[in-house]
PDB file of N, CA and C in Angstrom:
ATOM      1  N   MET A   1      14.767-126.887-119.229  1.00  0.00           N
ATOM      2  CA  MET A   1      13.520-126.143-119.117  1.00  0.00           C
ATOM      3  C   MET A   1      12.360-127.126-119.081  1.00  0.00           C
ATOM      4  N   ASN A   2      11.335-126.791-118.370  1.00  0.00           N
ATOM      5  CA  ASN A   2      10.168-127.630-118.236  1.00  0.00           C
ATOM      6  C   ASN A   2       9.489-127.814-119.585  1.00  0.00           C
ATOM      7  N   SER A   3       8.954-128.990-119.837  1.00  0.00           N
ATOM      8  CA  SER A   3       8.386-129.303-121.143  1.00  0.00           C
ATOM      9  C   SER A   3       7.228-128.394-121.535  1.00  0.00           C
ATOM     10  N   ILE A   4       6.397-128.012-120.592  1.00  0.00           N
ATOM     11  CA  ILE A   4       5.266-127.155-120.929  1.00  0.00           C
ATOM     12  C   ILE A   4       5.748-125.768-121.338  1.00  0.00           C
ATOM     13  N   PHE A   5       6.764-125.248-120.639  1.00  0.00           N
ATOM     14  CA  PHE A   5       7.298-123.937-121.016  1.00  0.00           C
ATOM     15  C   PHE A   5       8.040-124.013-122.341  1.00  0.00           C
ATOM     16  N   SER A   6       8.684-125.130-122.619  1.00  0.00           N
ATOM     17  CA  SER A   6       9.334-125.314-123.916  1.00  0.00           C
ATOM     18  C   SER A   6       8.303-125.246-125.032  1.00  0.00           C
ATOM     19  N   ALA A   7       7.184-125.920-124.837  1.00  0.00           N
ATOM     20  CA  ALA A   7       6.128-125.915-125.847  1.00  0.00           C
ATOM     21  C   ALA A   7       5.570-124.514-126.041  1.00  0.00           C
ATOM     22  N   LEU A   8       5.394-123.790-124.948  1.00  0.00           N
ATOM     23  CA  LEU A   8       4.857-122.436-125.046  1.00  0.00           C
ATOM     24  C   LEU A   8       5.850-121.485-125.700  1.00  0.00           C
ATOM     25  N   ASN A   9       7.128-121.651-125.397  1.00  0.00           N
ATOM     26  CA  ASN A   9       8.143-120.771-125.965  1.00  0.00           C
ATOM     27  C   ASN A   9       8.284-120.933-127.466  1.00  0.00           C
ATOM     28  N   LYS A  10       7.975-122.094-127.979  1.00  0.00           N
ATOM     29  CA  LYS A  10       8.087-122.345-129.416  1.00  0.00           C
ATOM     30  C   LYS A  10       6.916-121.765-130.184  1.00  0.00           C
ATOM     31  N   ASN A  11       5.919-121.246-129.439  1.00  0.00           N
ATOM     32  CA  ASN A  11       4.702-120.730-130.071  1.00  0.00           C
ATOM     33  C   ASN A  11       4.112-121.758-131.019  1.00  0.00           C
ATOM     34  N   ASN A  12       4.131-122.983-130.592  1.00  0.00           N
ATOM     35  CA  ASN A  12       3.661-124.098-131.394  1.00  0.00           C
ATOM     36  C   ASN A  12       2.144-124.093-131.411  1.00  0.00           C
ATOM     37  N   ASN A  13       1.556-123.972-132.593  1.00  0.00           N
ATOM     38  CA  ASN A  13       0.103-123.970-132.711  1.00  0.00           C
ATOM     39  C   ASN A  13      -0.468-125.371-132.867  1.00  0.00           C
ATOM     40  N   ASN A  14       0.370-126.379-132.854  1.00  0.00           N
ATOM     41  CA  ASN A  14      -0.083-127.755-132.980  1.00  0.00           C
ATOM     42  C   ASN A  14      -0.640-128.207-131.636  1.00  0.00           C
ATOM     43  N   SER A  15      -1.974-128.223-131.522  1.00  0.00           N
ATOM     44  CA  SER A  15      -2.601-128.510-130.237  1.00  0.00           C
ATOM     45  C   SER A  15      -2.282-129.913-129.746  1.00  0.00           C
ATOM     46  N   GLY A  16      -2.042-130.863-130.626  1.00  0.00           N
ATOM     47  CA  GLY A  16      -1.680-132.215-130.206  1.00  0.00           C
ATOM     48  C   GLY A  16      -0.392-132.224-129.419  1.00  0.00           C
ATOM     49  N   ASN A  17       0.594-131.488-129.895  1.00  0.00           N
ATOM     50  CA  ASN A  17       1.868-131.408-129.180  1.00  0.00           C
ATOM     51  C   ASN A  17       1.722-130.695-127.855  1.00  0.00           C
ATOM     52  N   VAL A  18       0.947-129.640-127.815  1.00  0.00           N
ATOM     53  CA  VAL A  18       0.752-128.902-126.574  1.00  0.00           C
ATOM     54  C   VAL A  18       0.052-129.792-125.554  1.00  0.00           C
ATOM     55  N   LEU A  19      -0.969-130.528-125.994  1.00  0.00           N
ATOM     56  CA  LEU A  19      -1.669-131.413-125.073  1.00  0.00           C
ATOM     57  C   LEU A  19      -0.752-132.527-124.581  1.00  0.00           C
ATOM     58  N   GLN A  20       0.094-133.038-125.464  1.00  0.00           N
ATOM     59  CA  GLN A  20       1.056-134.072-125.064  1.00  0.00           C
ATOM     60  C   GLN A  20       2.032-133.513-124.037  1.00  0.00           C
ATOM     61  N   HIS A  21       2.514-132.307-124.263  1.00  0.00           N
ATOM     62  CA  HIS A  21       3.422-131.668-123.308  1.00  0.00           C
ATOM     63  C   HIS A  21       2.706-131.408-121.985  1.00  0.00           C
ATOM     64  N   PHE A  22       1.438-131.045-122.075  1.00  0.00           N
ATOM     65  CA  PHE A  22       0.683-130.805-120.845  1.00  0.00           C
ATOM     66  C   PHE A  22       0.555-132.087-120.030  1.00  0.00           C
ATOM     67  N   GLN A  23       0.265-133.201-120.693  1.00  0.00           N
ATOM     68  CA  GLN A  23       0.144-134.467-119.974  1.00  0.00           C
ATOM     69  C   GLN A  23       1.468-134.828-119.302  1.00  0.00           C
ATOM     70  N   GLN A  24       2.579-134.612-119.994  1.00  0.00           N
ATOM     71  CA  GLN A  24       3.899-134.880-119.412  1.00  0.00           C
ATOM     72  C   GLN A  24       4.137-133.957-118.213  1.00  0.00           C
ATOM     73  N   PHE A  25       3.803-132.694-118.370  1.00  0.00           N
ATOM     74  CA  PHE A  25       3.941-131.717-117.295  1.00  0.00           C
ATOM     75  C   PHE A  25       3.092-132.117-116.088  1.00  0.00           C
ATOM     76  N   LYS A  26       1.864-132.554-116.356  1.00  0.00           N
ATOM     77  CA  LYS A  26       0.949-132.959-115.290  1.00  0.00           C
ATOM     78  C   LYS A  26       1.534-134.114-114.481  1.00  0.00           C
ATOM     79  N   LYS A  27       2.141-135.078-115.161  1.00  0.00           N
ATOM     80  CA  LYS A  27       2.776-136.208-114.467  1.00  0.00           C
ATOM     81  C   LYS A  27       3.935-135.729-113.599  1.00  0.00           C
ATOM     82  N   GLN A  28       4.745-134.818-114.141  1.00  0.00           N
ATOM     83  CA  GLN A  28       5.899-134.305-113.407  1.00  0.00           C
ATOM     84  C   GLN A  28       5.483-133.550-112.153  1.00  0.00           C
ATOM     85  N   MET A  29       4.317-132.957-112.170  1.00  0.00           N
ATOM     86  CA  MET A  29       3.877-132.101-111.069  1.00  0.00           C
ATOM     87  C   MET A  29       3.084-132.835-109.997  1.00  0.00           C
ATOM     88  N   GLN A  30       2.840-134.120-110.163  1.00  0.00           N
ATOM     89  CA  GLN A  30       2.080-134.854-109.153  1.00  0.00           C
ATOM     90  C   GLN A  30       2.828-134.832-107.828  1.00  0.00           C
ATOM     91  N   GLY A  31       2.120-134.433-106.764  1.00  0.00           N
ATOM     92  CA  GLY A  31       2.700-134.384-105.430  1.00  0.00           C
ATOM     93  C   GLY A  31       3.583-133.175-105.168  1.00  0.00           C
ATOM     94  N   VAL A  32       3.572-132.216-106.072  1.00  0.00           N
ATOM     95  CA  VAL A  32       4.421-131.027-105.956  1.00  0.00           C
ATOM     96  C   VAL A  32       3.520-129.803-105.773  1.00  0.00           C
ATOM     97  N   ASN A  33       3.947-128.877-104.923  1.00  0.00           N
ATOM     98  CA  ASN A  33       3.207-127.624-104.747  1.00  0.00           C
ATOM     99  C   ASN A  33       3.525-126.715-105.941  1.00  0.00           C
ATOM    100  N   PRO A  34       2.556-126.479-106.824  1.00  0.00           N
ATOM    101  CA  PRO A  34       2.825-125.700-108.035  1.00  0.00           C
ATOM    102  C   PRO A  34       3.294-124.275-107.766  1.00  0.00           C
ATOM    103  N   GLN A  35       2.744-123.635-106.735  1.00  0.00           N
ATOM    104  CA  GLN A  35       3.159-122.260-106.445  1.00  0.00           C
ATOM    105  C   GLN A  35       4.628-122.207-106.044  1.00  0.00           C
ATOM    106  N   GLU A  36       5.071-123.177-105.247  1.00  0.00           N
ATOM    107  CA  GLU A  36       6.481-123.226-104.850  1.00  0.00           C
ATOM    108  C   GLU A  36       7.375-123.449-106.058  1.00  0.00           C
ATOM    109  N   GLU A  37       6.955-124.340-106.950  1.00  0.00           N
ATOM    110  CA  GLU A  37       7.755-124.632-108.146  1.00  0.00           C
ATOM    111  C   GLU A  37       7.872-123.408-109.046  1.00  0.00           C
ATOM    112  N   VAL A  38       6.777-122.684-109.215  1.00  0.00           N
ATOM    113  CA  VAL A  38       6.800-121.477-110.045  1.00  0.00           C
ATOM    114  C   VAL A  38       7.735-120.441-109.428  1.00  0.00           C
ATOM    115  N   GLN A  39       7.666-120.278-108.115  1.00  0.00           N
ATOM    116  CA  GLN A  39       8.556-119.323-107.448  1.00  0.00           C
ATOM    117  C   GLN A  39      10.024-119.718-107.627  1.00  0.00           C
ATOM    118  N   LYS A  40      10.312-121.018-107.539  1.00  0.00           N
ATOM    119  CA  LYS A  40      11.690-121.496-107.750  1.00  0.00           C
ATOM    120  C   LYS A  40      12.161-121.171-109.164  1.00  0.00           C
ATOM    121  N   LEU A  41      11.287-121.390-110.151  1.00  0.00           N
ATOM    122  CA  LEU A  41      11.648-121.101-111.539  1.00  0.00           C
ATOM    123  C   LEU A  41      11.894-119.611-111.749  1.00  0.00           C
ATOM    124  N   LEU A  42      11.050-118.771-111.150  1.00  0.00           N
ATOM    125  CA  LEU A  42      11.236-117.322-111.258  1.00  0.00           C
ATOM    126  C   LEU A  42      12.536-116.878-110.594  1.00  0.00           C
ATOM    127  N   GLN A  43      12.771-117.379-109.374  1.00  0.00           N
ATOM    128  CA  GLN A  43      13.958-116.972-108.623  1.00  0.00           C
ATOM    129  C   GLN A  43      15.252-117.444-109.284  1.00  0.00           C
ATOM    130  N   SER A  44      15.199-118.605-109.925  1.00  0.00           N
ATOM    131  CA  SER A  44      16.400-119.143-110.563  1.00  0.00           C
ATOM    132  C   SER A  44      16.661-118.501-111.924  1.00  0.00           C
ATOM    133  N   GLY A  45      15.673-117.788-112.452  1.00  0.00           N
ATOM    134  CA  GLY A  45      15.833-117.167-113.758  1.00  0.00           C
ATOM    135  C   GLY A  45      15.510-118.106-114.913  1.00  0.00           C
ATOM    136  N   LYS A  46      15.023-119.300-114.603  1.00  0.00           N
ATOM    137  CA  LYS A  46      14.675-120.245-115.663  1.00  0.00           C
ATOM    138  C   LYS A  46      13.471-119.777-116.466  1.00  0.00           C
ATOM    139  N   ILE A  47      12.598-119.002-115.829  1.00  0.00           N
ATOM    140  CA  ILE A  47      11.497-118.354-116.538  1.00  0.00           C
ATOM    141  C   ILE A  47      11.446-116.903-116.095  1.00  0.00           C
ATOM    142  N   SER A  48      10.911-116.076-116.963  1.00  0.00           N
ATOM    143  CA  SER A  48      10.751-114.662-116.618  1.00  0.00           C
ATOM    144  C   SER A  48       9.308-114.401-116.204  1.00  0.00           C
ATOM    145  N   GLN A  49       9.081-113.259-115.615  1.00  0.00           N
ATOM    146  CA  GLN A  49       7.722-112.884-115.238  1.00  0.00           C
ATOM    147  C   GLN A  49       6.850-112.797-116.480  1.00  0.00           C
ATOM    148  N   ALA A  50       7.410-112.326-117.577  1.00  0.00           N
ATOM    149  CA  ALA A  50       6.640-112.229-118.826  1.00  0.00           C
ATOM    150  C   ALA A  50       6.214-113.612-119.313  1.00  0.00           C
ATOM    151  N   GLN A  51       7.115-114.587-119.206  1.00  0.00           N
ATOM    152  CA  GLN A  51       6.772-115.959-119.607  1.00  0.00           C
ATOM    153  C   GLN A  51       5.675-116.515-118.711  1.00  0.00           C
ATOM    154  N   LEU A  52       5.773-116.259-117.426  1.00  0.00           N
ATOM    155  CA  LEU A  52       4.758-116.725-116.491  1.00  0.00           C
ATOM    156  C   LEU A  52       3.414-116.072-116.801  1.00  0.00           C
ATOM    157  N   ASP A  53       3.431-114.781-117.045  1.00  0.00           N
ATOM    158  CA  ASP A  53       2.191-114.073-117.368  1.00  0.00           C
ATOM    159  C   ASP A  53       1.546-114.660-118.620  1.00  0.00           C
ATOM    160  N   LYS A  54       2.360-114.932-119.645  1.00  0.00           N
ATOM    161  CA  LYS A  54       1.851-115.506-120.887  1.00  0.00           C
ATOM    162  C   LYS A  54       1.264-116.898-120.628  1.00  0.00           C
ATOM    163  N   ALA A  55       1.960-117.709-119.854  1.00  0.00           N
ATOM    164  CA  ALA A  55       1.478-119.059-119.540  1.00  0.00           C
ATOM    165  C   ALA A  55       0.167-119.001-118.764  1.00  0.00           C
ATOM    166  N   GLN A  56       0.071-118.072-117.810  1.00  0.00           N
ATOM    167  CA  GLN A  56      -1.165-117.936-117.039  1.00  0.00           C
ATOM    168  C   GLN A  56      -2.314-117.482-117.922  1.00  0.00           C
ATOM    169  N   GLN A  57      -2.035-116.585-118.842  1.00  0.00           N
ATOM    170  CA  GLN A  57      -3.066-116.109-119.760  1.00  0.00           C
ATOM    171  C   GLN A  57      -3.551-117.255-120.650  1.00  0.00           C
ATOM    172  N   MET A  58      -2.611-118.041-121.165  1.00  0.00           N
ATOM    173  CA  MET A  58      -2.978-119.183-122.006  1.00  0.00           C
ATOM    174  C   MET A  58      -3.757-120.226-121.206  1.00  0.00           C
ATOM    175  N   ALA A  59      -3.360-120.430-119.977  1.00  0.00           N
ATOM    176  CA  ALA A  59      -4.046-121.404-119.124  1.00  0.00           C
ATOM    177  C   ALA A  59      -5.494-120.979-118.889  1.00  0.00           C
ATOM    178  N   GLN A  60      -5.704-119.699-118.675  1.00  0.00           N
ATOM    179  CA  GLN A  60      -7.067-119.206-118.475  1.00  0.00           C
ATOM    180  C   GLN A  60      -7.905-119.413-119.730  1.00  0.00           C
ATOM    181  N   GLN A  61      -7.294-119.200-120.894  1.00  0.00           N
ATOM    182  CA  GLN A  61      -8.013-119.363-122.155  1.00  0.00           C
ATOM    183  C   GLN A  61      -8.368-120.834-122.411  1.00  0.00           C
ATOM    184  N   MET A  62      -7.499-121.737-121.968  1.00  0.00           N
ATOM    185  CA  MET A  62      -7.699-123.165-122.230  1.00  0.00           C
ATOM    186  C   MET A  62      -8.368-123.894-121.068  1.00  0.00           C
ATOM    187  N   GLN A  63      -8.713-123.184-120.021  1.00  0.00           N
ATOM    188  CA  GLN A  63      -9.244-123.789-118.803  1.00  0.00           C
ATOM    189  C   GLN A  63     -10.430-124.728-119.091  1.00  0.00           C
ATOM    190  N   GLY A  64     -11.297-124.349-119.974  1.00  0.00           N
ATOM    191  CA  GLY A  64     -12.460-125.166-120.272  1.00  0.00           C
ATOM    192  C   GLY A  64     -12.122-126.515-120.883  1.00  0.00           C
ATOM    193  N   LEU A  65     -10.980-126.632-121.533  1.00  0.00           N
ATOM    194  CA  LEU A  65     -10.590-127.892-122.173  1.00  0.00           C
ATOM    195  C   LEU A  65     -10.231-128.972-121.176  1.00  0.00           C
ATOM    196  N   PHE A  66      -9.806-128.594-119.982  1.00  0.00           N
ATOM    197  CA  PHE A  66      -9.263-129.554-119.027  1.00  0.00           C
ATOM    198  C   PHE A  66     -10.206-129.864-117.888  1.00  0.00           C
ATOM    199  N   LYS A  67     -11.442-129.470-117.994  1.00  0.00           N
ATOM    200  CA  LYS A  67     -12.411-129.754-116.920  1.00  0.00           C
ATOM    201  C   LYS A  67     -13.095-131.073-117.167  1.00  0.00           C
TER     202      LYS A  67
END
């Protein structure tokens, strides 16, 4: 499982770990079309629509931190 989704699934409130996982995720995604990758994860069953929805909601809430 992808490191960012692992961090989200653990409901880890330790922001240092989440930010570290995000940086690792960001490196892994360089040069990759994110929409295609998300579709692959959904189609393969590695993530559910509910997990994706939760991740998108969290991303919107944290958007200001990464600008």
